[in-house]
Amino acid sequence: MSEYLHYYILFQNHTDATAMYRSLKGKGMYAQISPTPRELSVCCGVSLLVHGEDVEKIKEIAGEENLAYLQISGLNNTFDNTRHKYG
């Protein structure tokens, strides 16, 4: 079981977030584009919400494919699917 309720991948910019999103989705992995929770960062406003059990695999993929990200952080926040999701 994961330590946190939600895991977010934080990025320097939207381009890096989009590249990671496409890679993970192309591999059949769960990734949801989400606003970056202010509790974690005031960097790029876009983050990816991922499953905690996928974090190590995501790090491997990022290294293999040279995908840039700032950090992967867990947060025990209340998730509002109407706010934390881009259409």
PDB file of N, CA and C in Angstrom:
ATOM      1  N   MET A   1       0.840  -1.187   0.000  1.00  0.00           N
ATOM      2  CA  MET A   1       0.000   0.000   0.000  1.00  0.00           C
ATOM      3  C   MET A   1       0.883   1.248   0.000  1.00  0.00           C
ATOM      4  N   SER A   2       0.460   2.282  -0.672  1.00  0.00           N
ATOM      5  CA  SER A   2       1.218   3.520  -0.778  1.00  0.00           C
ATOM      6  C   SER A   2       1.149   4.318   0.515  1.00  0.00           C
ATOM      7  N   GLU A   3       2.201   5.055   0.774  1.00  0.00           N
ATOM      8  CA  GLU A   3       2.290   5.882   1.971  1.00  0.00           C
ATOM      9  C   GLU A   3       1.346   7.082   1.907  1.00  0.00           C
ATOM     10  N   TYR A   4       1.145   7.620   0.717  1.00  0.00           N
ATOM     11  CA  TYR A   4       0.294   8.793   0.521  1.00  0.00           C
ATOM     12  C   TYR A   4      -0.949   8.436  -0.287  1.00  0.00           C
ATOM     13  N   LEU A   5      -1.944   9.281  -0.201  1.00  0.00           N
ATOM     14  CA  LEU A   5      -3.164   9.077  -0.993  1.00  0.00           C
ATOM     15  C   LEU A   5      -2.929   9.352  -2.474  1.00  0.00           C
ATOM     16  N   HIS A   6      -2.137  10.391  -2.769  1.00  0.00           N
ATOM     17  CA  HIS A   6      -1.915  10.806  -4.154  1.00  0.00           C
ATOM     18  C   HIS A   6      -0.433  11.076  -4.400  1.00  0.00           C
ATOM     19  N   TYR A   7       0.001  10.769  -5.604  1.00  0.00           N
ATOM     20  CA  TYR A   7       1.379  11.038  -6.013  1.00  0.00           C
ATOM     21  C   TYR A   7       1.357  11.925  -7.249  1.00  0.00           C
ATOM     22  N   TYR A   8       2.163  12.993  -7.199  1.00  0.00           N
ATOM     23  CA  TYR A   8       2.226  13.968  -8.284  1.00  0.00           C
ATOM     24  C   TYR A   8       3.646  14.043  -8.822  1.00  0.00           C
ATOM     25  N   ILE A   9       3.760  14.095 -10.148  1.00  0.00           N
ATOM     26  CA  ILE A   9       5.041  14.361 -10.779  1.00  0.00           C
ATOM     27  C   ILE A   9       5.048  15.853 -11.094  1.00  0.00           C
ATOM     28  N   LEU A  10       6.073  16.550 -10.606  1.00  0.00           N
ATOM     29  CA  LEU A  10       6.182  17.996 -10.800  1.00  0.00           C
ATOM     30  C   LEU A  10       7.192  18.297 -11.900  1.00  0.00           C
ATOM     31  N   PHE A  11       6.917  19.340 -12.668  1.00  0.00           N
ATOM     32  CA  PHE A  11       7.719  19.685 -13.838  1.00  0.00           C
ATOM     33  C   PHE A  11       8.108  21.154 -13.844  1.00  0.00           C
ATOM     34  N   GLN A  12       9.147  21.444 -14.600  1.00  0.00           N
ATOM     35  CA  GLN A  12       9.585  22.816 -14.808  1.00  0.00           C
ATOM     36  C   GLN A  12       8.662  23.536 -15.783  1.00  0.00           C
ATOM     37  N   ASN A  13       8.101  22.772 -16.749  1.00  0.00           N
ATOM     38  CA  ASN A  13       7.259  23.405 -17.762  1.00  0.00           C
ATOM     39  C   ASN A  13       6.247  22.411 -18.332  1.00  0.00           C
ATOM     40  N   HIS A  14       5.303  22.948 -19.061  1.00  0.00           N
ATOM     41  CA  HIS A  14       4.222  22.159 -19.650  1.00  0.00           C
ATOM     42  C   HIS A  14       4.742  21.158 -20.681  1.00  0.00           C
ATOM     43  N   THR A  15       5.775  21.525 -21.416  1.00  0.00           N
ATOM     44  CA  THR A  15       6.347  20.647 -22.437  1.00  0.00           C
ATOM     45  C   THR A  15       6.865  19.350 -21.822  1.00  0.00           C
ATOM     46  N   ASP A  16       7.568  19.453 -20.703  1.00  0.00           N
ATOM     47  CA  ASP A  16       8.080  18.257 -20.028  1.00  0.00           C
ATOM     48  C   ASP A  16       6.933  17.392 -19.502  1.00  0.00           C
ATOM     49  N   ALA A  17       5.893  18.047 -18.977  1.00  0.00           N
ATOM     50  CA  ALA A  17       4.730  17.306 -18.469  1.00  0.00           C
ATOM     51  C   ALA A  17       4.043  16.539 -19.597  1.00  0.00           C
ATOM     52  N   THR A  18       3.883  17.181 -20.726  1.00  0.00           N
ATOM     53  CA  THR A  18       3.238  16.548 -21.869  1.00  0.00           C
ATOM     54  C   THR A  18       4.045  15.360 -22.379  1.00  0.00           C
ATOM     55  N   ALA A  19       5.367  15.499 -22.430  1.00  0.00           N
ATOM     56  CA  ALA A  19       6.223  14.401 -22.894  1.00  0.00           C
ATOM     57  C   ALA A  19       6.096  13.194 -21.966  1.00  0.00           C
ATOM     58  N   MET A  20       6.109  13.428 -20.660  1.00  0.00           N
ATOM     59  CA  MET A  20       5.974  12.332 -19.700  1.00  0.00           C
ATOM     60  C   MET A  20       4.590  11.691 -19.818  1.00  0.00           C
ATOM     61  N   TYR A  21       3.572  12.519 -19.921  1.00  0.00           N
ATOM     62  CA  TYR A  21       2.199  12.011 -20.043  1.00  0.00           C
ATOM     63  C   TYR A  21       2.078  11.086 -21.253  1.00  0.00           C
ATOM     64  N   ARG A  22       2.557  11.525 -22.384  1.00  0.00           N
ATOM     65  CA  ARG A  22       2.465  10.709 -23.607  1.00  0.00           C
ATOM     66  C   ARG A  22       3.229   9.400 -23.473  1.00  0.00           C
ATOM     67  N   SER A  23       4.389   9.454 -22.850  1.00  0.00           N
ATOM     68  CA  SER A  23       5.184   8.241 -22.671  1.00  0.00           C
ATOM     69  C   SER A  23       4.454   7.237 -21.774  1.00  0.00           C
ATOM     70  N   LEU A  24       3.964   7.710 -20.635  1.00  0.00           N
ATOM     71  CA  LEU A  24       3.288   6.800 -19.705  1.00  0.00           C
ATOM     72  C   LEU A  24       2.018   6.224 -20.308  1.00  0.00           C
ATOM     73  N   LYS A  25       1.219   7.061 -20.953  1.00  0.00           N
ATOM     74  CA  LYS A  25      -0.018   6.581 -21.580  1.00  0.00           C
ATOM     75  C   LYS A  25       0.303   5.595 -22.704  1.00  0.00           C
ATOM     76  N   GLY A  26       1.378   5.843 -23.441  1.00  0.00           N
ATOM     77  CA  GLY A  26       1.793   4.946 -24.516  1.00  0.00           C
ATOM     78  C   GLY A  26       2.184   3.572 -24.006  1.00  0.00           C
ATOM     79  N   LYS A  27       2.556   3.494 -22.737  1.00  0.00           N
ATOM     80  CA  LYS A  27       2.911   2.223 -22.111  1.00  0.00           C
ATOM     81  C   LYS A  27       1.735   1.621 -21.352  1.00  0.00           C
ATOM     82  N   GLY A  28       0.567   2.237 -21.479  1.00  0.00           N
ATOM     83  CA  GLY A  28      -0.632   1.716 -20.815  1.00  0.00           C
ATOM     84  C   GLY A  28      -0.697   2.016 -19.328  1.00  0.00           C
ATOM     85  N   MET A  29       0.088   2.976 -18.859  1.00  0.00           N
ATOM     86  CA  MET A  29       0.111   3.309 -17.439  1.00  0.00           C
ATOM     87  C   MET A  29      -0.880   4.424 -17.133  1.00  0.00           C
ATOM     88  N   TYR A  30      -1.327   4.472 -15.884  1.00  0.00           N
ATOM     89  CA  TYR A  30      -2.226   5.534 -15.453  1.00  0.00           C
ATOM     90  C   TYR A  30      -1.448   6.832 -15.254  1.00  0.00           C
ATOM     91  N   ALA A  31      -1.950   7.893 -15.833  1.00  0.00           N
ATOM     92  CA  ALA A  31      -1.420   9.243 -15.611  1.00  0.00           C
ATOM     93  C   ALA A  31      -2.558  10.203 -15.930  1.00  0.00           C
ATOM     94  N   GLN A  32      -2.765  11.151 -15.039  1.00  0.00           N
ATOM     95  CA  GLN A  32      -3.815  12.142 -15.252  1.00  0.00           C
ATOM     96  C   GLN A  32      -3.202  13.531 -15.116  1.00  0.00           C
ATOM     97  N   ILE A  33      -3.421  14.372 -16.100  1.00  0.00           N
ATOM     98  CA  ILE A  33      -2.949  15.746 -16.035  1.00  0.00           C
ATOM     99  C   ILE A  33      -3.765  16.466 -14.972  1.00  0.00           C
ATOM    100  N   SER A  34      -3.057  17.175 -14.090  1.00  0.00           N
ATOM    101  CA  SER A  34      -3.704  17.797 -12.944  1.00  0.00           C
ATOM    102  C   SER A  34      -3.017  19.120 -12.617  1.00  0.00           C
ATOM    103  N   PRO A  35      -3.756  20.077 -12.050  1.00  0.00           N
ATOM    104  CA  PRO A  35      -3.080  21.275 -11.540  1.00  0.00           C
ATOM    105  C   PRO A  35      -2.116  20.873 -10.419  1.00  0.00           C
ATOM    106  N   THR A  36      -0.996  21.543 -10.332  1.00  0.00           N
ATOM    107  CA  THR A  36      -0.034  21.257  -9.280  1.00  0.00           C
ATOM    108  C   THR A  36      -0.568  21.774  -7.943  1.00  0.00           C
ATOM    109  N   PRO A  37      -0.698  20.905  -6.942  1.00  0.00           N
ATOM    110  CA  PRO A  37      -1.149  21.383  -5.636  1.00  0.00           C
ATOM    111  C   PRO A  37      -0.155  22.391  -5.064  1.00  0.00           C
ATOM    112  N   ARG A  38      -0.621  23.506  -4.594  1.00  0.00           N
ATOM    113  CA  ARG A  38       0.249  24.551  -4.057  1.00  0.00           C
ATOM    114  C   ARG A  38       0.985  24.093  -2.806  1.00  0.00           C
ATOM    115  N   GLU A  39       0.491  23.045  -2.159  1.00  0.00           N
ATOM    116  CA  GLU A  39       1.197  22.492  -1.005  1.00  0.00           C
ATOM    117  C   GLU A  39       2.543  21.895  -1.424  1.00  0.00           C
ATOM    118  N   LEU A  40       2.661  21.526  -2.696  1.00  0.00           N
ATOM    119  CA  LEU A  40       3.881  20.892  -3.186  1.00  0.00           C
ATOM    120  C   LEU A  40       4.819  21.846  -3.887  1.00  0.00           C
ATOM    121  N   SER A  41       4.266  22.791  -4.650  1.00  0.00           N
ATOM    122  CA  SER A  41       5.136  23.656  -5.442  1.00  0.00           C
ATOM    123  C   SER A  41       4.356  24.806  -6.055  1.00  0.00           C
ATOM    124  N   VAL A  42       5.089  25.854  -6.361  1.00  0.00           N
ATOM    125  CA  VAL A  42       4.514  26.959  -7.124  1.00  0.00           C
ATOM    126  C   VAL A  42       5.187  27.016  -8.497  1.00  0.00           C
ATOM    127  N   CYS A  43       5.793  25.895  -8.895  1.00  0.00           N
ATOM    128  CA  CYS A  43       6.443  25.808 -10.202  1.00  0.00           C
ATOM    129  C   CYS A  43       5.378  25.735 -11.292  1.00  0.00           C
ATOM    130  N   CYS A  44       5.682  25.100 -12.363  1.00  0.00           N
ATOM    131  CA  CYS A  44       4.742  24.921 -13.470  1.00  0.00           C
ATOM    132  C   CYS A  44       3.381  24.498 -12.918  1.00  0.00           C
ATOM    133  N   GLY A  45       2.326  25.068 -13.413  1.00  0.00           N
ATOM    134  CA  GLY A  45       0.997  24.797 -12.899  1.00  0.00           C
ATOM    135  C   GLY A  45       0.444  23.435 -13.239  1.00  0.00           C
ATOM    136  N   VAL A  46       1.169  22.669 -14.045  1.00  0.00           N
ATOM    137  CA  VAL A  46       0.684  21.358 -14.473  1.00  0.00           C
ATOM    138  C   VAL A  46       1.542  20.260 -13.853  1.00  0.00           C
ATOM    139  N   SER A  47       0.881  19.246 -13.342  1.00  0.00           N
ATOM    140  CA  SER A  47       1.570  18.070 -12.828  1.00  0.00           C
ATOM    141  C   SER A  47       0.851  16.833 -13.352  1.00  0.00           C
ATOM    142  N   LEU A  48       1.422  15.679 -13.086  1.00  0.00           N
ATOM    143  CA  LEU A  48       0.754  14.429 -13.431  1.00  0.00           C
ATOM    144  C   LEU A  48       0.426  13.699 -12.141  1.00  0.00           C
ATOM    145  N   LEU A  49      -0.785  13.269 -12.041  1.00  0.00           N
ATOM    146  CA  LEU A  49      -1.238  12.439 -10.925  1.00  0.00           C
ATOM    147  C   LEU A  49      -1.010  10.990 -11.349  1.00  0.00           C
ATOM    148  N   VAL A  50      -0.279  10.229 -10.544  1.00  0.00           N
ATOM    149  CA  VAL A  50       0.054   8.842 -10.876  1.00  0.00           C
ATOM    150  C   VAL A  50      -0.217   7.943  -9.678  1.00  0.00           C
ATOM    151  N   HIS A  51      -0.202   6.646  -9.899  1.00  0.00           N
ATOM    152  CA  HIS A  51      -0.385   5.685  -8.814  1.00  0.00           C
ATOM    153  C   HIS A  51       0.935   5.495  -8.062  1.00  0.00           C
ATOM    154  N   GLY A  52       0.862   5.434  -6.746  1.00  0.00           N
ATOM    155  CA  GLY A  52       2.049   5.266  -5.924  1.00  0.00           C
ATOM    156  C   GLY A  52       2.854   4.024  -6.265  1.00  0.00           C
ATOM    157  N   GLU A  53       2.163   2.948  -6.601  1.00  0.00           N
ATOM    158  CA  GLU A  53       2.877   1.701  -6.917  1.00  0.00           C
ATOM    159  C   GLU A  53       3.646   1.784  -8.242  1.00  0.00           C
ATOM    160  N   ASP A  54       3.402   2.833  -9.033  1.00  0.00           N
ATOM    161  CA  ASP A  54       4.099   3.004 -10.310  1.00  0.00           C
ATOM    162  C   ASP A  54       5.309   3.923 -10.225  1.00  0.00           C
ATOM    163  N   VAL A  55       5.557   4.534  -9.075  1.00  0.00           N
ATOM    164  CA  VAL A  55       6.598   5.563  -8.967  1.00  0.00           C
ATOM    165  C   VAL A  55       7.971   5.043  -9.386  1.00  0.00           C
ATOM    166  N   GLU A  56       8.384   3.883  -8.903  1.00  0.00           N
ATOM    167  CA  GLU A  56       9.719   3.369  -9.248  1.00  0.00           C
ATOM    168  C   GLU A  56       9.828   3.095 -10.751  1.00  0.00           C
ATOM    169  N   LYS A  57       8.793   2.529 -11.345  1.00  0.00           N
ATOM    170  CA  LYS A  57       8.795   2.262 -12.785  1.00  0.00           C
ATOM    171  C   LYS A  57       8.845   3.573 -13.563  1.00  0.00           C
ATOM    172  N   ILE A  58       8.134   4.588 -13.102  1.00  0.00           N
ATOM    173  CA  ILE A  58       8.149   5.893 -13.771  1.00  0.00           C
ATOM    174  C   ILE A  58       9.555   6.491 -13.742  1.00  0.00           C
ATOM    175  N   LYS A  59      10.241   6.350 -12.615  1.00  0.00           N
ATOM    176  CA  LYS A  59      11.617   6.842 -12.526  1.00  0.00           C
ATOM    177  C   LYS A  59      12.521   6.126 -13.529  1.00  0.00           C
ATOM    178  N   GLU A  60      12.333   4.816 -13.672  1.00  0.00           N
ATOM    179  CA  GLU A  60      13.106   4.041 -14.649  1.00  0.00           C
ATOM    180  C   GLU A  60      12.839   4.531 -16.063  1.00  0.00           C
ATOM    181  N   ILE A  61      11.572   4.699 -16.393  1.00  0.00           N
ATOM    182  CA  ILE A  61      11.185   5.155 -17.734  1.00  0.00           C
ATOM    183  C   ILE A  61      11.772   6.535 -18.002  1.00  0.00           C
ATOM    184  N   ALA A  62      11.681   7.436 -17.020  1.00  0.00           N
ATOM    185  CA  ALA A  62      12.215   8.792 -17.187  1.00  0.00           C
ATOM    186  C   ALA A  62      13.710   8.742 -17.486  1.00  0.00           C
ATOM    187  N   GLY A  63      14.428   7.883 -16.798  1.00  0.00           N
ATOM    188  CA  GLY A  63      15.860   7.747 -17.040  1.00  0.00           C
ATOM    189  C   GLY A  63      16.173   7.169 -18.411  1.00  0.00           C
ATOM    190  N   GLU A  64      15.442   6.131 -18.786  1.00  0.00           N
ATOM    191  CA  GLU A  64      15.660   5.476 -20.081  1.00  0.00           C
ATOM    192  C   GLU A  64      15.324   6.388 -21.249  1.00  0.00           C
ATOM    193  N   GLU A  65      14.281   7.211 -21.095  1.00  0.00           N
ATOM    194  CA  GLU A  65      13.807   8.045 -22.197  1.00  0.00           C
ATOM    195  C   GLU A  65      14.222   9.505 -22.058  1.00  0.00           C
ATOM    196  N   ASN A  66      15.065   9.789 -21.057  1.00  0.00           N
ATOM    197  CA  ASN A  66      15.549  11.143 -20.824  1.00  0.00           C
ATOM    198  C   ASN A  66      14.390  12.141 -20.673  1.00  0.00           C
ATOM    199  N   LEU A  67      13.395  11.762 -19.884  1.00  0.00           N
ATOM    200  CA  LEU A  67      12.241  12.620 -19.621  1.00  0.00           C
ATOM    201  C   LEU A  67      12.516  13.446 -18.369  1.00  0.00           C
ATOM    202  N   ALA A  68      12.398  14.758 -18.492  1.00  0.00           N
ATOM    203  CA  ALA A  68      12.715  15.662 -17.392  1.00  0.00           C
ATOM    204  C   ALA A  68      11.531  15.842 -16.451  1.00  0.00           C
ATOM    205  N   TYR A  69      11.824  15.835 -15.149  1.00  0.00           N
ATOM    206  CA  TYR A  69      10.836  16.187 -14.132  1.00  0.00           C
ATOM    207  C   TYR A  69      11.598  16.723 -12.926  1.00  0.00           C
ATOM    208  N   LEU A  70      10.914  17.497 -12.097  1.00  0.00           N
ATOM    209  CA  LEU A  70      11.565  18.061 -10.914  1.00  0.00           C
ATOM    210  C   LEU A  70      11.583  17.082  -9.759  1.00  0.00           C
ATOM    211  N   GLN A  71      10.431  16.485  -9.472  1.00  0.00           N
ATOM    212  CA  GLN A  71      10.333  15.528  -8.374  1.00  0.00           C
ATOM    213  C   GLN A  71       9.002  14.799  -8.455  1.00  0.00           C
ATOM    214  N   ILE A  72       8.934  13.709  -7.708  1.00  0.00           N
ATOM    215  CA  ILE A  72       7.678  12.995  -7.532  1.00  0.00           C
ATOM    216  C   ILE A  72       7.368  13.076  -6.047  1.00  0.00           C
ATOM    217  N   SER A  73       6.218  13.669  -5.736  1.00  0.00           N
ATOM    218  CA  SER A  73       5.868  13.915  -4.339  1.00  0.00           C
ATOM    219  C   SER A  73       4.522  13.311  -3.988  1.00  0.00           C
ATOM    220  N   GLY A  74       4.432  12.804  -2.775  1.00  0.00           N
ATOM    221  CA  GLY A  74       3.176  12.292  -2.272  1.00  0.00           C
ATOM    222  C   GLY A  74       2.475  13.354  -1.444  1.00  0.00           C
ATOM    223  N   LEU A  75       1.159  13.263  -1.416  1.00  0.00           N
ATOM    224  CA  LEU A  75       0.371  14.236  -0.672  1.00  0.00           C
ATOM    225  C   LEU A  75      -0.918  13.574  -0.203  1.00  0.00           C
ATOM    226  N   ASN A  76      -1.290  13.829   1.009  1.00  0.00           N
ATOM    227  CA  ASN A  76      -2.549  13.323   1.549  1.00  0.00           C
ATOM    228  C   ASN A  76      -3.602  14.425   1.481  1.00  0.00           C
ATOM    229  N   ASN A  77      -3.912  14.825   0.271  1.00  0.00           N
ATOM    230  CA  ASN A  77      -4.902  15.883   0.075  1.00  0.00           C
ATOM    231  C   ASN A  77      -6.252  15.289  -0.310  1.00  0.00           C
ATOM    232  N   THR A  78      -7.279  16.090  -0.170  1.00  0.00           N
ATOM    233  CA  THR A  78      -8.604  15.698  -0.615  1.00  0.00           C
ATOM    234  C   THR A  78      -8.661  15.910  -2.113  1.00  0.00           C
ATOM    235  N   PHE A  79      -9.028  14.878  -2.836  1.00  0.00           N
ATOM    236  CA  PHE A  79      -9.038  14.950  -4.291  1.00  0.00           C
ATOM    237  C   PHE A  79     -10.421  15.329  -4.785  1.00  0.00           C
ATOM    238  N   ASP A  80     -10.473  16.381  -5.572  1.00  0.00           N
ATOM    239  CA  ASP A  80     -11.716  16.862  -6.175  1.00  0.00           C
ATOM    240  C   ASP A  80     -11.588  16.669  -7.678  1.00  0.00           C
ATOM    241  N   ASN A  81     -12.224  15.651  -8.222  1.00  0.00           N
ATOM    242  CA  ASN A  81     -12.081  15.323  -9.640  1.00  0.00           C
ATOM    243  C   ASN A  81     -12.549  16.440 -10.561  1.00  0.00           C
ATOM    244  N   THR A  82     -13.383  17.339 -10.083  1.00  0.00           N
ATOM    245  CA  THR A  82     -13.805  18.448 -10.937  1.00  0.00           C
ATOM    246  C   THR A  82     -12.762  19.546 -10.985  1.00  0.00           C
ATOM    247  N   ARG A  83     -11.888  19.636  -9.960  1.00  0.00           N
ATOM    248  CA  ARG A  83     -10.843  20.652  -9.950  1.00  0.00           C
ATOM    249  C   ARG A  83      -9.490  20.091 -10.390  1.00  0.00           C
ATOM    250  N   HIS A  84      -9.192  18.878 -10.009  1.00  0.00           N
ATOM    251  CA  HIS A  84      -7.861  18.305 -10.217  1.00  0.00           C
ATOM    252  C   HIS A  84      -7.735  17.564 -11.546  1.00  0.00           C
ATOM    253  N   LYS A  85      -8.439  17.999 -12.526  1.00  0.00           N
ATOM    254  CA  LYS A  85      -8.379  17.321 -13.815  1.00  0.00           C
ATOM    255  C   LYS A  85      -8.582  18.341 -14.927  1.00  0.00           C
ATOM    256  N   TYR A  86      -7.758  18.256 -15.939  1.00  0.00           N
ATOM    257  CA  TYR A  86      -7.939  19.082 -17.125  1.00  0.00           C
ATOM    258  C   TYR A  86      -8.693  18.257 -18.148  1.00  0.00           C
ATOM    259  N   GLY A  87      -9.676  18.884 -18.783  1.00  0.00           N
ATOM    260  CA  GLY A  87     -10.530  18.217 -19.748  1.00  0.00           C
ATOM    261  C   GLY A  87      -9.817  17.634 -20.863  1.00  0.00           C
TER     262      GLY A  87
END
